[in-house]
Amino acid sequence: MSVSAVRAAVLATAMLGVGACATSENPNRSLVIASLEARSGSAVGGQLRISRNGKKIHLRATVTGLEPGSEHGFHIHDKGDCSAPDAASAGGHFNPGGSAHGRFGDAVHHGGDLPSLRADAKGVARADVDLSALQWEGAQGIKGRAIIVHGKPDDFTTQPSGNAGPRVACAVIG
């Protein structure tokens, strides 16, 4: 392959990559990558990828350091503040509609209620969630809020938080 053909291939590949990134020409598209930080003395971590294309919002999460086979509550919290050692600085669940706490996808639930995380045999949990029912920005938006991994399963009934235990990891949605 000639040098000019290699350059053309590299340029074409680079141009394809630019199309997937948020740019000033397309303010309705963005990708936010946030790292989960361990809290409450845990070793839990991981990465969140939140993509937005117009009104469509999608969350992909990889959470590590969980007990193999365990289940964990997973929620968007009201404040984008993970500074407290126990992540209490993130406030309560994000609840723009003033609804009762419940199971993600049910008719009644907080906007911040997400599907539970289930760790595999290696202590890794993955989530792939459509958040298009929520808004991106403003008082009703998720941008600038926190996502919390809890230490216990969510019971989906205890108000207002599902009795999901300590906050073992926290990340801010950029």
Protein backbone atom coordinates (compact mmCIF):
# COMPACT_ATOMS: atom_id res chain seq x y z
CA MET A 1 0.00 0.00 0.00
CA SER A 2 1.38 3.42 -0.90
CA VAL A 3 2.06 6.15 1.65
CA SER A 4 -0.73 8.31 0.19
CA ALA A 5 -3.21 5.41 0.48
CA VAL A 6 -2.24 4.91 4.13
CA ARG A 7 -2.67 8.64 4.81
CA ALA A 8 -6.09 8.60 3.15
CA ALA A 9 -7.16 5.60 5.24
CA VAL A 10 -5.96 7.26 8.48
CA LEU A 11 -7.74 10.51 7.57
CA ALA A 12 -10.98 8.68 6.75
CA THR A 13 -10.84 6.79 10.06
CA ALA A 14 -10.22 10.02 11.98
CA MET A 15 -13.15 11.72 10.25
CA LEU A 16 -15.48 8.86 11.23
CA GLY A 17 -14.40 9.25 14.87
CA VAL A 18 -15.15 12.99 14.84
CA GLY A 19 -18.73 12.28 13.75
CA ALA A 20 -19.36 10.36 16.99
CA CYS A 21 -18.13 13.13 19.30
CA ALA A 22 -20.00 16.13 20.64
CA THR A 23 -19.07 19.23 18.68
CA SER A 24 -20.03 22.86 18.81
CA GLU A 25 -21.84 22.32 15.50
CA ASN A 26 -24.14 19.76 17.14
CA PRO A 27 -25.02 20.82 20.70
CA ASN A 28 -27.79 18.18 20.88
CA ARG A 29 -25.27 15.32 20.87
CA SER A 30 -22.89 14.51 23.67
CA LEU A 31 -21.09 11.71 25.44
CA VAL A 32 -20.29 11.97 29.13
CA ILE A 33 -17.87 9.51 30.69
CA ALA A 34 -17.75 9.48 34.49
CA SER A 35 -15.74 7.35 36.90
CA LEU A 36 -17.47 5.82 39.90
CA GLU A 37 -15.56 6.64 43.08
CA ALA A 38 -15.62 4.29 46.08
CA ARG A 39 -17.51 5.55 49.14
CA SER A 40 -18.40 4.25 52.62
CA GLY A 41 -15.12 2.29 52.82
CA SER A 42 -15.91 0.13 49.80
CA ALA A 43 -13.67 -0.94 46.92
CA VAL A 44 -16.42 -0.37 44.34
CA GLY A 45 -15.55 1.56 41.19
CA GLY A 46 -16.30 1.56 37.51
CA GLN A 47 -17.29 3.73 34.60
CA LEU A 48 -20.50 5.33 33.35
CA ARG A 49 -21.06 6.33 29.73
CA ILE A 50 -24.06 8.57 29.18
CA SER A 51 -24.83 9.47 25.60
CA ARG A 52 -27.34 11.99 24.37
CA ASN A 53 -28.68 12.42 20.86
CA GLY A 54 -31.46 15.01 20.85
CA LYS A 55 -33.99 13.83 23.44
CA LYS A 56 -32.63 10.29 23.57
CA ILE A 57 -30.45 9.59 26.62
CA HIS A 58 -28.68 6.27 27.15
CA LEU A 59 -26.66 5.00 30.14
CA ARG A 60 -24.09 2.22 29.98
CA ALA A 61 -22.41 1.30 33.25
CA THR A 62 -19.67 -1.09 34.24
CA VAL A 63 -19.35 -1.46 38.02
CA THR A 64 -16.45 -3.36 39.57
CA GLY A 65 -15.45 -4.45 43.07
CA LEU A 66 -18.85 -5.88 44.03
CA GLU A 67 -19.34 -9.13 45.90
CA PRO A 68 -19.80 -11.90 43.31
CA GLY A 69 -23.48 -12.69 42.74
CA SER A 70 -24.70 -9.68 44.75
CA GLU A 71 -27.53 -7.27 43.91
CA HIS A 72 -27.34 -3.51 44.42
CA GLY A 73 -29.67 -0.52 44.30
CA PHE A 74 -28.70 1.94 41.56
CA HIS A 75 -30.11 5.47 41.45
CA ILE A 76 -29.70 8.99 40.14
CA HIS A 77 -29.49 11.33 43.14
CA ASP A 78 -30.53 14.95 43.33
CA LYS A 79 -27.18 16.69 43.83
CA GLY A 80 -24.02 16.31 41.78
CA ASP A 81 -21.81 16.13 44.85
CA CYS A 82 -19.82 13.03 45.78
CA SER A 83 -17.53 14.80 48.25
CA ALA A 84 -18.77 13.21 51.50
CA PRO A 85 -17.06 9.95 52.54
CA ASP A 86 -20.49 8.26 52.54
CA ALA A 87 -21.81 10.21 49.50
CA ALA A 88 -24.59 11.73 51.63
CA SER A 89 -23.67 14.99 49.87
CA ALA A 90 -25.50 13.64 46.78
CA GLY A 91 -28.84 14.15 48.55
CA GLY A 92 -31.91 11.99 48.02
CA HIS A 93 -33.17 10.35 44.87
CA PHE A 94 -33.75 12.57 41.84
CA ASN A 95 -37.53 12.88 41.78
CA PRO A 96 -38.69 15.62 39.40
CA GLY A 97 -42.25 14.29 39.26
CA GLY A 98 -42.74 13.98 43.02
CA SER A 99 -43.58 10.27 42.64
CA ALA A 100 -43.28 7.48 45.17
CA HIS A 101 -40.16 5.30 45.02
CA GLY A 102 -40.61 2.17 42.93
CA ARG A 103 -39.17 -0.14 40.30
CA PHE A 104 -37.69 1.33 37.11
CA GLY A 105 -40.21 0.82 34.31
CA ASP A 106 -43.27 0.58 36.59
CA ALA A 107 -45.98 3.22 36.30
CA VAL A 108 -45.00 4.80 39.63
CA HIS A 109 -41.32 5.43 40.40
CA HIS A 110 -38.86 8.28 40.93
CA GLY A 111 -37.11 9.66 37.87
CA GLY A 112 -33.90 8.56 39.58
CA ASP A 113 -34.92 4.92 40.04
CA LEU A 114 -32.73 2.71 37.86
CA PRO A 115 -32.71 -1.07 37.34
CA SER A 116 -30.87 -3.00 40.05
CA LEU A 117 -27.29 -4.04 39.40
CA ARG A 118 -26.42 -7.75 39.56
CA ALA A 119 -22.77 -8.70 39.92
CA ASP A 120 -21.41 -11.64 37.98
CA ALA A 121 -19.03 -14.29 39.37
CA LYS A 122 -16.15 -11.79 39.11
CA GLY A 123 -17.97 -9.03 41.00
CA VAL A 124 -18.71 -6.97 37.87
CA ALA A 125 -22.16 -5.61 37.04
CA ARG A 126 -23.23 -4.02 33.77
CA ALA A 127 -26.22 -1.85 33.01
CA ASP A 128 -27.61 -0.71 29.67
CA VAL A 129 -30.52 1.66 30.29
CA ASP A 130 -32.65 3.94 28.09
CA LEU A 131 -33.19 7.17 30.04
CA SER A 132 -35.10 8.99 27.31
CA ALA A 133 -38.07 9.52 29.65
CA LEU A 134 -35.83 12.00 31.50
CA GLN A 135 -34.52 15.38 30.42
CA TRP A 136 -30.87 16.27 29.96
CA GLU A 137 -30.65 19.83 31.30
CA GLY A 138 -32.50 22.24 33.54
CA ALA A 139 -34.36 21.76 36.80
CA GLN A 140 -35.85 18.49 35.51
CA GLY A 141 -32.60 17.30 33.88
CA ILE A 142 -30.02 14.73 34.95
CA LYS A 143 -26.91 16.67 33.91
CA GLY A 144 -24.97 17.72 37.01
CA ARG A 145 -26.61 15.13 39.28
CA ALA A 146 -24.99 12.06 40.87
CA ILE A 147 -25.38 8.36 40.20
CA ILE A 148 -25.07 6.14 43.27
CA VAL A 149 -24.42 2.41 43.67
CA HIS A 150 -25.85 1.17 46.97
CA GLY A 151 -24.52 -1.66 49.14
CA LYS A 152 -27.76 -3.65 49.30
CA PRO A 153 -30.64 -4.55 46.96
CA ASP A 154 -33.46 -2.05 46.50
CA ASP A 155 -36.74 -3.42 47.93
CA PHE A 156 -38.72 -1.07 45.62
CA THR A 157 -41.28 -0.34 48.34
CA THR A 158 -39.63 1.40 51.33
CA GLN A 159 -40.12 5.15 50.98
CA PRO A 160 -38.40 7.23 49.93
CA SER A 161 -35.30 5.22 49.04
CA GLY A 162 -35.92 1.48 48.80
CA ASN A 163 -33.84 0.60 51.88
CA ALA A 164 -30.84 -0.05 49.59
CA GLY A 165 -28.18 0.46 52.23
CA PRO A 166 -24.98 2.51 52.20
CA ARG A 167 -23.80 4.44 49.19
CA VAL A 168 -20.76 2.45 48.07
CA ALA A 169 -19.88 4.36 44.87
CA CYS A 170 -20.70 7.76 43.39
CA ALA A 171 -20.16 9.63 40.13
CA VAL A 172 -21.34 13.01 38.85
CA ILE A 173 -23.06 13.22 35.49
CA GLY A 174 -20.89 15.81 33.73
